[in-house]
Amino acid sequence: MKRLWLISIPLIVLLLFAACSSGTTTSPTTTTTSGGTTAGQLSASGQAVFASNCARCHGNNGQGGAGPAIIGSTQGLAKYNTAQGLLTYVSGNMPASAPGSLSSQQYLEVTAYLIVQNSFVSSGQALEVGGLVGITLK
């Protein structure tokens, strides 16, 4: 009887593991967090901020225009080192016609939009202002 019990434990663990890992998997861009605001949620709001305040210079898709490209393979956001560096720059200097004119929340949202669009973070990642310093723009 004792031997049957010892054999059953690994089998139960294996079955539980298989049950937990079976089914569909989600891509990193659709994973959600257990709490807090995600980069995707902020990015969705940031897209509207971008369209209203940034697109006229940076292009509808961030591809560049009067201002440099900030989305895509030719964007140069790495010079800001971290998402915090980007947020600091954007909130102090943009939009060029009225620097500092957006709310803190709008600057956070547009920064989230840029880092999600450029795949620096997944949309399901929890994102708070304090965590931006840990997100590198490379």
Protein backbone atom coordinates (compact mmCIF):
# COMPACT_ATOMS: atom_id res chain seq x y z
CA MET A 1 0.00 0.00 0.00
CA LYS A 2 2.83 2.38 0.90
CA ARG A 3 4.48 1.74 -2.46
CA LEU A 4 1.27 2.53 -4.36
CA TRP A 5 1.05 5.86 -2.52
CA LEU A 6 4.67 6.76 -3.44
CA ILE A 7 3.99 6.01 -7.10
CA SER A 8 0.71 7.96 -7.06
CA ILE A 9 2.20 11.27 -5.90
CA PRO A 10 4.40 11.87 -8.99
CA LEU A 11 1.51 10.77 -11.22
CA ILE A 12 -0.87 13.25 -9.56
CA VAL A 13 1.70 16.05 -9.87
CA LEU A 14 2.22 15.22 -13.54
CA LEU A 15 -1.51 15.22 -14.23
CA LEU A 16 -1.99 18.53 -12.42
CA PHE A 17 0.88 20.09 -14.35
CA ALA A 18 -0.55 18.83 -17.65
CA ALA A 19 -4.00 20.17 -16.80
CA CYS A 20 -2.61 23.60 -15.88
CA SER A 21 -0.46 23.91 -18.99
CA SER A 22 -2.96 22.56 -21.50
CA GLY A 23 -5.31 24.68 -23.53
CA THR A 24 -4.62 27.82 -25.45
CA THR A 25 -1.67 29.99 -24.73
CA THR A 26 -1.74 33.74 -24.88
CA SER A 27 0.83 35.93 -26.51
CA PRO A 28 2.67 38.47 -24.36
CA THR A 29 0.61 41.25 -25.88
CA THR A 30 -2.65 39.82 -24.58
CA THR A 31 -1.59 38.65 -21.14
CA THR A 32 -3.29 40.50 -18.32
CA THR A 33 -2.06 41.19 -14.84
CA SER A 34 -3.82 40.26 -11.63
CA GLY A 35 -4.20 43.89 -10.64
CA GLY A 36 -3.33 47.43 -11.52
CA THR A 37 -3.34 49.25 -14.80
CA THR A 38 -1.69 47.59 -17.76
CA ALA A 39 0.43 49.20 -20.44
CA GLY A 40 -2.28 48.24 -22.94
CA GLN A 41 -4.98 50.08 -21.02
CA LEU A 42 -2.84 53.21 -20.78
CA SER A 43 -1.79 52.82 -24.40
CA ALA A 44 -5.40 52.72 -25.60
CA SER A 45 -5.99 56.11 -24.00
CA GLY A 46 -2.59 57.27 -25.19
CA GLN A 47 -3.51 56.58 -28.79
CA ALA A 48 -6.21 59.28 -28.59
CA VAL A 49 -3.75 61.68 -26.91
CA PHE A 50 -1.25 60.94 -29.66
CA ALA A 51 -3.81 61.53 -32.42
CA SER A 52 -4.86 64.86 -30.90
CA ASN A 53 -1.48 66.24 -29.89
CA CYS A 54 1.40 64.43 -31.59
CA ALA A 55 0.31 63.15 -34.99
CA ARG A 56 0.39 66.54 -36.70
CA CYS A 57 4.20 66.60 -36.32
CA HIS A 58 5.11 62.93 -35.93
CA GLY A 59 2.65 61.48 -38.47
CA ASN A 60 -0.55 59.52 -37.93
CA ASN A 61 1.42 56.33 -37.33
CA GLY A 62 4.42 57.95 -35.64
CA GLN A 63 6.44 57.53 -38.84
CA GLY A 64 7.72 61.10 -38.76
CA GLY A 65 6.87 64.29 -40.59
CA ALA A 66 7.76 67.74 -39.30
CA GLY A 67 8.99 65.88 -36.20
CA PRO A 68 11.09 62.69 -36.13
CA ALA A 69 9.77 59.15 -36.35
CA ILE A 70 8.82 57.89 -32.88
CA ILE A 71 7.16 54.60 -33.81
CA GLY A 72 8.69 51.90 -35.96
CA SER A 73 12.10 50.72 -37.06
CA THR A 74 13.47 54.24 -37.62
CA GLN A 75 12.41 55.70 -34.26
CA GLY A 76 15.19 57.09 -32.11
CA LEU A 77 13.76 56.71 -28.61
CA ALA A 78 16.82 54.85 -27.31
CA LYS A 79 18.49 58.21 -26.63
CA TYR A 80 16.11 58.62 -23.66
CA ASN A 81 17.49 55.36 -22.17
CA THR A 82 14.38 54.46 -20.16
CA ALA A 83 10.63 54.99 -20.35
CA GLN A 84 11.08 57.40 -17.42
CA GLY A 85 13.56 59.41 -19.48
CA LEU A 86 11.07 59.51 -22.34
CA LEU A 87 8.25 60.59 -20.04
CA THR A 88 10.43 63.33 -18.55
CA TYR A 89 11.36 64.64 -21.99
CA VAL A 90 7.84 64.46 -23.43
CA SER A 91 6.18 66.08 -20.42
CA GLY A 92 8.64 68.97 -20.42
CA ASN A 93 8.95 69.57 -24.16
CA MET A 94 5.86 68.35 -25.99
CA PRO A 95 3.78 69.23 -27.82
CA ALA A 96 6.31 71.61 -29.39
CA SER A 97 3.63 74.28 -29.82
CA ALA A 98 2.61 74.14 -26.14
CA PRO A 99 5.14 72.28 -23.94
CA GLY A 100 3.77 70.99 -20.66
CA SER A 101 0.17 71.68 -21.67
CA LEU A 102 -1.14 68.14 -21.18
CA SER A 103 -2.06 66.56 -17.86
CA SER A 104 0.34 64.20 -16.09
CA GLN A 105 -2.04 61.36 -16.92
CA GLN A 106 -2.03 62.25 -20.63
CA TYR A 107 1.76 62.29 -20.69
CA LEU A 108 1.82 58.88 -19.02
CA GLU A 109 -0.74 57.55 -21.51
CA VAL A 110 1.12 58.78 -24.58
CA THR A 111 4.38 57.41 -23.19
CA ALA A 112 2.65 54.04 -22.68
CA TYR A 113 1.38 54.22 -26.26
CA LEU A 114 4.90 54.78 -27.59
CA ILE A 115 6.53 52.02 -25.56
CA VAL A 116 3.80 49.51 -26.43
CA GLN A 117 3.84 50.41 -30.13
CA ASN A 118 7.61 49.99 -30.20
CA SER A 119 7.42 46.67 -28.29
CA PHE A 120 9.47 47.88 -25.32
CA VAL A 121 6.73 46.35 -23.12
CA SER A 122 3.81 44.03 -23.72
CA SER A 123 0.34 45.48 -23.43
CA GLY A 124 -0.43 43.11 -20.54
CA GLN A 125 2.44 44.33 -18.38
CA ALA A 126 1.46 46.28 -15.27
CA LEU A 127 2.60 49.84 -15.71
CA GLU A 128 2.95 52.55 -13.11
CA VAL A 129 4.97 55.74 -13.12
CA GLY A 130 7.43 54.33 -10.58
CA GLY A 131 8.19 51.37 -12.84
CA LEU A 132 9.11 53.38 -15.93
CA VAL A 133 12.73 53.73 -14.85
CA GLY A 134 13.15 49.95 -15.22
CA ILE A 135 11.99 49.87 -18.84
CA THR A 136 14.92 50.29 -21.21
CA LEU A 137 14.35 51.66 -24.70
CA LYS A 138 16.59 49.36 -26.72
